[in-house]
Amino acid sequence: MRIGIAVLLATLAPTIAAGQSVQVSWHAGTPRQGTFAYVVVAGNPTPVVARGTLDSLPLAFVRAPGGQLAALAVVPLGATDSVTVALVLDFAKGRTRQIVRRLPVARARFPTERLSVDPRFTRPPDSALQARIARENARARRVTEAALATPRLWSREFVRPRPTRVTSVFGIGRVFNGRVQSRHLGTDYQGETGDPVRATNRGIVELIGDFYYAGRIVYLNHGAGLVTAYLHLSEVLVAEGDTVQAGQLLGRVGASGRVTGPHLHWMVRIGRSSADGASLLALPPLERLFDQ
């Protein structure tokens, strides 16, 4: 079985014992800013357990076929030419080692688009609206905290929430009504009101709400820090606390919140760092990571 590690760090971990070293790498090439990738730990011997962070974002390692350890990671949008991986490695016979390594990152370029929305969404909010938005943001942060405290629930392939074309990609700059600027931190899928929206993988329905900007929403906690969100829905067909499976119907496309028309806005993040869901869909499942 061939080990699918394409890019090794130029600097390897210090020797643990004579003839024994640890390698930390990306799987299959250098990722761009704002994408998902696997961090791989291998060595002689391979650690029994690995835990740690990538630029403060949690890494939840699992043992892949072949004995290597791998974790799903987000390359932050704000990363420059590299990111810091800090690990604690546990070996057999009670040995433990801490290592810090830098992994290379490729820069990404994002275009800008101009959109027209209801003017109420571009006016400065009054105190009551500011309080509402703050409450909604706090509820979303609690989903992140729950996902960080939940063991990994997802497995195998991630599936598209809709089978239709993408109408707006992740990371694009946006100017609303010629005034308000923001960055698009999700992926928009084409849809008409009432069209089905499906879960991308196994997870717990952690939050259902009707938010000012996002409209009717469903947030899924997939564990190991991973969260997906489904925005602007017309109808929600699950309840908080439900466990859903990949491909399960969550709700229906709508035009609630700040939108130009009906569509699905799909958001994916680890911790508080959002990344391109298309890059997650393109990754091989952990269960087949090294069998390629």
Protein backbone atom coordinates (compact mmCIF):
# COMPACT_ATOMS: atom_id res chain seq x y z
CA MET A 1 0.00 0.00 0.00
CA ARG A 2 1.54 3.32 -1.07
CA ILE A 3 1.67 6.15 1.46
CA GLY A 4 -0.01 9.18 -0.11
CA ILE A 5 2.18 11.94 1.35
CA ALA A 6 3.07 14.41 -1.37
CA VAL A 7 4.82 17.23 0.47
CA LEU A 8 7.14 16.67 3.41
CA LEU A 9 8.45 19.47 5.54
CA ALA A 10 11.97 20.49 4.72
CA THR A 11 12.76 20.30 8.42
CA LEU A 12 11.79 17.07 10.15
CA ALA A 13 11.17 16.51 13.83
CA PRO A 14 14.19 15.93 16.06
CA THR A 15 15.30 12.34 16.47
CA ILE A 16 13.35 10.50 19.15
CA ALA A 17 15.82 7.66 19.32
CA ALA A 18 18.53 6.31 17.10
CA GLY A 19 17.12 5.89 13.59
CA GLN A 20 13.66 7.16 14.60
CA SER A 21 12.06 10.36 13.33
CA VAL A 22 8.64 11.94 12.78
CA GLN A 23 7.43 13.63 9.60
CA VAL A 24 4.61 16.18 9.52
CA SER A 25 3.16 17.07 6.12
CA TRP A 26 0.19 18.06 4.06
CA HIS A 27 -1.50 15.29 2.15
CA ALA A 28 -1.34 15.71 -1.62
CA GLY A 29 0.20 19.08 -2.23
CA THR A 30 0.34 22.60 -0.79
CA PRO A 31 -3.16 23.94 -0.03
CA ARG A 32 -4.36 27.49 -0.70
CA GLN A 33 -5.59 30.01 1.85
CA GLY A 34 -9.19 29.31 2.89
CA THR A 35 -9.26 25.60 2.02
CA PHE A 36 -9.47 22.25 3.78
CA ALA A 37 -6.57 19.81 3.81
CA TYR A 38 -5.26 16.86 5.79
CA VAL A 39 -2.29 17.17 8.12
CA VAL A 40 -0.44 13.83 8.24
CA VAL A 41 1.90 12.52 10.93
CA ALA A 42 4.10 9.54 10.09
CA GLY A 43 7.36 8.18 11.41
CA ASN A 44 9.49 5.39 12.68
CA PRO A 45 7.81 4.52 14.92
CA THR A 46 4.45 6.17 14.18
CA PRO A 47 3.01 7.87 17.27
CA VAL A 48 0.18 6.04 18.98
CA VAL A 49 -1.75 9.29 19.55
CA ALA A 50 -1.35 12.83 18.19
CA ARG A 51 -3.15 15.98 19.30
CA GLY A 52 -2.56 19.64 18.66
CA THR A 53 -3.44 22.77 16.70
CA LEU A 54 -2.88 24.50 13.39
CA ASP A 55 -2.57 28.26 13.99
CA SER A 56 -4.69 27.73 17.17
CA LEU A 57 -7.38 25.75 15.30
CA PRO A 58 -7.91 22.26 16.75
CA LEU A 59 -6.59 19.16 14.99
CA ALA A 60 -8.43 15.90 15.70
CA PHE A 61 -6.25 13.03 14.51
CA VAL A 62 -7.48 9.58 13.56
CA ARG A 63 -5.47 6.55 12.52
CA ALA A 64 -5.76 5.97 8.81
CA PRO A 65 -5.06 2.67 7.02
CA GLY A 66 -1.33 2.05 6.96
CA GLY A 67 -0.82 3.35 10.48
CA GLN A 68 -0.38 7.05 9.74
CA LEU A 69 -2.27 9.67 11.71
CA ALA A 70 -4.28 12.29 9.84
CA ALA A 71 -6.45 15.27 10.82
CA LEU A 72 -8.81 17.46 8.83
CA ALA A 73 -7.56 21.06 8.97
CA VAL A 74 -8.54 24.53 7.79
CA VAL A 75 -5.95 26.78 6.19
CA PRO A 76 -7.07 30.20 7.48
CA LEU A 77 -7.88 32.95 4.99
CA GLY A 78 -5.41 35.16 6.80
CA ALA A 79 -2.51 32.72 6.47
CA THR A 80 0.51 34.05 4.60
CA ASP A 81 3.18 31.71 3.27
CA SER A 82 2.94 29.09 6.02
CA VAL A 83 1.04 27.97 9.12
CA THR A 84 2.24 26.66 12.47
CA VAL A 85 1.39 23.12 13.56
CA ALA A 86 1.97 22.42 17.27
CA LEU A 87 1.67 18.78 18.29
CA VAL A 88 1.88 16.54 21.33
CA LEU A 89 2.80 13.00 20.29
CA ASP A 90 2.39 9.92 22.47
CA PHE A 91 4.50 6.86 21.66
CA ALA A 92 4.58 3.33 23.00
CA LYS A 93 6.05 2.71 26.45
CA GLY A 94 4.79 6.05 27.73
CA ARG A 95 7.07 8.30 25.69
CA THR A 96 5.73 11.76 24.80
CA ARG A 97 7.17 14.48 22.60
CA GLN A 98 6.11 18.03 21.73
CA ILE A 99 7.02 19.41 18.30
CA VAL A 100 6.28 22.61 16.37
CA ARG A 101 6.52 22.72 12.60
CA ARG A 102 5.73 25.13 9.74
CA LEU A 103 3.74 23.91 6.73
CA PRO A 104 3.72 25.84 3.44
CA VAL A 105 0.59 27.66 2.18
CA ALA A 106 -0.24 28.93 -1.32
CA ARG A 107 -1.86 32.33 -1.77
CA ALA A 108 -5.38 32.61 -3.19
CA ARG A 109 -6.91 35.43 -5.21
CA PHE A 110 -10.58 36.33 -4.86
CA PRO A 111 -12.67 38.45 -7.25
CA THR A 112 -15.32 41.01 -6.24
CA GLU A 113 -19.01 41.16 -7.16
CA ARG A 114 -21.67 43.87 -6.70
CA LEU A 115 -25.14 42.96 -5.44
CA SER A 116 -28.42 44.79 -4.79
CA VAL A 117 -30.45 43.88 -1.69
CA ASP A 118 -33.25 45.39 0.37
CA PRO A 119 -31.87 48.77 1.63
CA ARG A 120 -32.69 47.86 5.24
CA PHE A 121 -29.79 45.39 5.17
CA THR A 122 -27.23 48.11 4.38
CA ARG A 123 -28.38 50.80 6.80
CA PRO A 124 -26.52 51.07 10.14
CA PRO A 125 -28.47 48.97 12.69
CA ASP A 126 -30.18 50.69 15.60
CA SER A 127 -29.53 49.56 19.17
CA ALA A 128 -32.32 46.97 19.17
CA LEU A 129 -31.10 45.41 15.93
CA GLN A 130 -27.50 45.46 17.15
CA ALA A 131 -28.61 43.55 20.25
CA ARG A 132 -30.44 41.00 18.10
CA ILE A 133 -27.43 40.46 15.85
CA ALA A 134 -25.18 40.08 18.91
CA ARG A 135 -27.50 37.42 20.34
CA GLU A 136 -27.52 35.55 17.05
CA ASN A 137 -23.72 35.66 16.81
CA ALA A 138 -23.47 34.31 20.36
CA ARG A 139 -25.77 31.39 19.47
CA ALA A 140 -23.60 30.57 16.46
CA ARG A 141 -20.44 30.67 18.62
CA ARG A 142 -22.00 28.15 20.99
CA VAL A 143 -22.32 25.72 18.08
CA THR A 144 -18.58 26.05 17.53
CA GLU A 145 -17.91 25.35 21.20
CA ALA A 146 -20.17 22.28 21.11
CA ALA A 147 -18.39 20.91 18.01
CA LEU A 148 -14.99 21.34 19.65
CA ALA A 149 -16.22 19.28 22.62
CA THR A 150 -17.82 16.53 20.48
CA PRO A 151 -15.93 13.48 19.15
CA ARG A 152 -15.80 13.06 15.39
CA LEU A 153 -19.21 12.03 14.00
CA TRP A 154 -18.53 12.35 10.27
CA SER A 155 -17.05 9.58 8.16
CA ARG A 156 -16.43 8.64 4.55
CA GLU A 157 -17.43 11.00 1.72
CA PHE A 158 -18.91 14.44 2.23
CA VAL A 159 -21.82 15.03 -0.13
CA ARG A 160 -23.07 18.20 -1.79
CA PRO A 161 -26.01 19.83 -0.01
CA ARG A 162 -27.57 20.40 -3.43
CA PRO A 163 -26.80 18.76 -6.81
CA THR A 164 -27.12 22.07 -8.69
CA ARG A 165 -24.56 24.55 -9.99
CA VAL A 166 -22.61 26.93 -7.76
CA THR A 167 -23.73 30.52 -8.27
CA SER A 168 -21.21 32.22 -5.96
CA VAL A 169 -17.93 30.76 -4.72
CA PHE A 170 -16.23 31.00 -1.36
CA GLY A 171 -14.02 34.00 -0.62
CA ILE A 172 -15.40 36.40 -3.21
CA GLY A 173 -15.53 40.06 -2.15
CA ARG A 174 -19.00 41.58 -2.10
CA VAL A 175 -20.32 45.13 -2.30
CA PHE A 176 -24.00 45.47 -1.35
CA ASN A 177 -25.91 48.45 -2.83
CA GLY A 178 -22.59 50.08 -3.64
CA ARG A 179 -21.80 50.61 0.05
CA VAL A 180 -21.46 47.66 2.40
CA GLN A 181 -18.45 45.45 1.80
CA SER A 182 -17.96 41.91 3.05
CA ARG A 183 -16.36 38.63 2.10
CA HIS A 184 -18.48 35.65 1.07
CA LEU A 185 -17.63 32.95 3.61
CA GLY A 186 -19.72 30.18 2.07
CA THR A 187 -20.79 28.61 -1.21
CA ASP A 188 -24.08 29.49 -2.92
CA TYR A 189 -26.03 26.78 -4.75
CA GLN A 190 -28.76 27.44 -7.29
CA GLY A 191 -32.28 26.59 -6.19
CA GLU A 192 -35.90 27.62 -6.28
CA THR A 193 -38.05 28.07 -3.19
CA GLY A 194 -39.01 24.62 -1.90
CA ASP A 195 -36.12 22.69 -3.44
CA PRO A 196 -34.49 20.14 -1.07
CA VAL A 197 -31.38 20.85 1.04
CA ARG A 198 -29.45 17.86 2.40
CA ALA A 199 -26.87 17.19 5.13
CA THR A 200 -23.30 16.92 3.89
CA ASN A 201 -22.38 14.26 6.46
CA ARG A 202 -23.42 12.72 9.77
CA GLY A 203 -23.94 15.23 12.55
CA ILE A 204 -26.16 16.63 15.29
CA VAL A 205 -28.64 19.43 14.61
CA GLU A 206 -27.14 21.94 17.02
CA LEU A 207 -29.03 25.11 16.07
CA ILE A 208 -32.20 26.13 14.26
CA GLY A 209 -33.08 29.80 14.04
CA ASP A 210 -34.38 32.75 12.06
CA PHE A 211 -31.46 35.22 11.89
CA TYR A 212 -31.50 38.76 10.59
CA TYR A 213 -28.87 38.31 7.87
CA ALA A 214 -28.87 34.51 7.45
CA GLY A 215 -32.65 33.97 7.53
CA ARG A 216 -33.89 30.51 8.50
CA ILE A 217 -30.90 28.35 9.34
CA VAL A 218 -29.76 24.89 10.33
CA TYR A 219 -26.34 24.38 11.95
CA LEU A 220 -24.90 20.85 12.13
CA ASN A 221 -22.26 19.78 14.65
CA HIS A 222 -20.13 17.08 13.00
CA GLY A 223 -17.71 16.77 15.90
CA ALA A 224 -13.93 17.29 16.02
CA GLY A 225 -14.60 21.02 15.65
CA LEU A 226 -16.34 20.73 12.25
CA VAL A 227 -19.58 22.70 11.66
CA THR A 228 -21.73 23.11 8.56
CA ALA A 229 -24.52 25.68 8.20
CA TYR A 230 -27.42 25.93 5.75
CA LEU A 231 -28.79 29.46 5.32
CA HIS A 232 -31.74 31.36 3.80
CA LEU A 233 -34.11 28.38 4.04
CA SER A 234 -37.87 28.59 3.47
CA GLU A 235 -38.58 25.57 5.67
CA VAL A 236 -36.72 23.52 8.27
CA LEU A 237 -37.54 19.79 8.44
CA VAL A 238 -35.41 18.70 11.43
CA ALA A 239 -35.33 19.55 15.13
CA GLU A 240 -32.51 20.56 17.45
CA GLY A 241 -30.90 17.46 18.93
CA ASP A 242 -31.65 15.24 15.92
CA THR A 243 -28.79 13.11 14.57
CA VAL A 244 -28.81 13.20 10.78
CA GLN A 245 -26.95 11.17 8.16
CA ALA A 246 -25.17 12.22 4.97
CA GLY A 247 -27.76 13.06 2.33
CA GLN A 248 -30.65 13.37 4.78
CA LEU A 249 -33.22 16.09 4.03
CA LEU A 250 -32.75 19.08 6.35
CA GLY A 251 -34.99 21.73 4.84
CA ARG A 252 -35.90 23.58 1.67
CA VAL A 253 -34.35 26.40 -0.33
CA GLY A 254 -35.71 29.87 0.40
CA ALA A 255 -35.00 33.59 0.22
CA SER A 256 -35.04 34.51 3.92
CA GLY A 257 -32.57 37.04 5.33
CA ARG A 258 -30.21 39.20 3.24
CA VAL A 259 -30.51 37.74 -0.26
CA THR A 260 -31.01 38.74 -3.87
CA GLY A 261 -33.27 35.73 -4.49
CA PRO A 262 -33.82 32.09 -3.49
CA HIS A 263 -30.68 29.97 -3.11
CA LEU A 264 -28.77 27.92 -0.54
CA HIS A 265 -25.79 29.48 1.23
CA TRP A 266 -23.67 26.61 2.59
CA MET A 267 -20.98 27.39 5.15
CA VAL A 268 -18.27 25.04 6.51
CA ARG A 269 -15.78 25.78 9.29
CA ILE A 270 -13.52 24.33 11.95
CA GLY A 271 -13.46 26.36 15.12
CA ARG A 272 -14.19 29.93 14.06
CA SER A 273 -12.37 29.69 10.74
CA SER A 274 -14.52 29.22 7.63
CA ALA A 275 -13.12 27.61 4.49
CA ASP A 276 -14.17 26.61 0.99
CA GLY A 277 -16.64 23.74 1.14
CA ALA A 278 -15.69 22.73 -2.41
CA SER A 279 -12.20 21.83 -1.14
CA LEU A 280 -13.76 19.63 1.55
CA LEU A 281 -15.87 17.80 -1.04
CA ALA A 282 -12.75 17.21 -3.14
CA LEU A 283 -10.79 15.49 -0.37
CA PRO A 284 -10.59 11.69 -0.27
CA PRO A 285 -12.29 10.11 2.76
CA LEU A 286 -9.98 9.49 5.71
CA GLU A 287 -10.87 5.81 5.43
CA ARG A 288 -9.20 5.69 1.97
CA LEU A 289 -6.62 8.43 2.41
CA PHE A 290 -3.52 6.27 1.92
CA ASP A 291 -5.06 3.63 -0.34
CA GLN A 292 -4.59 5.62 -3.57
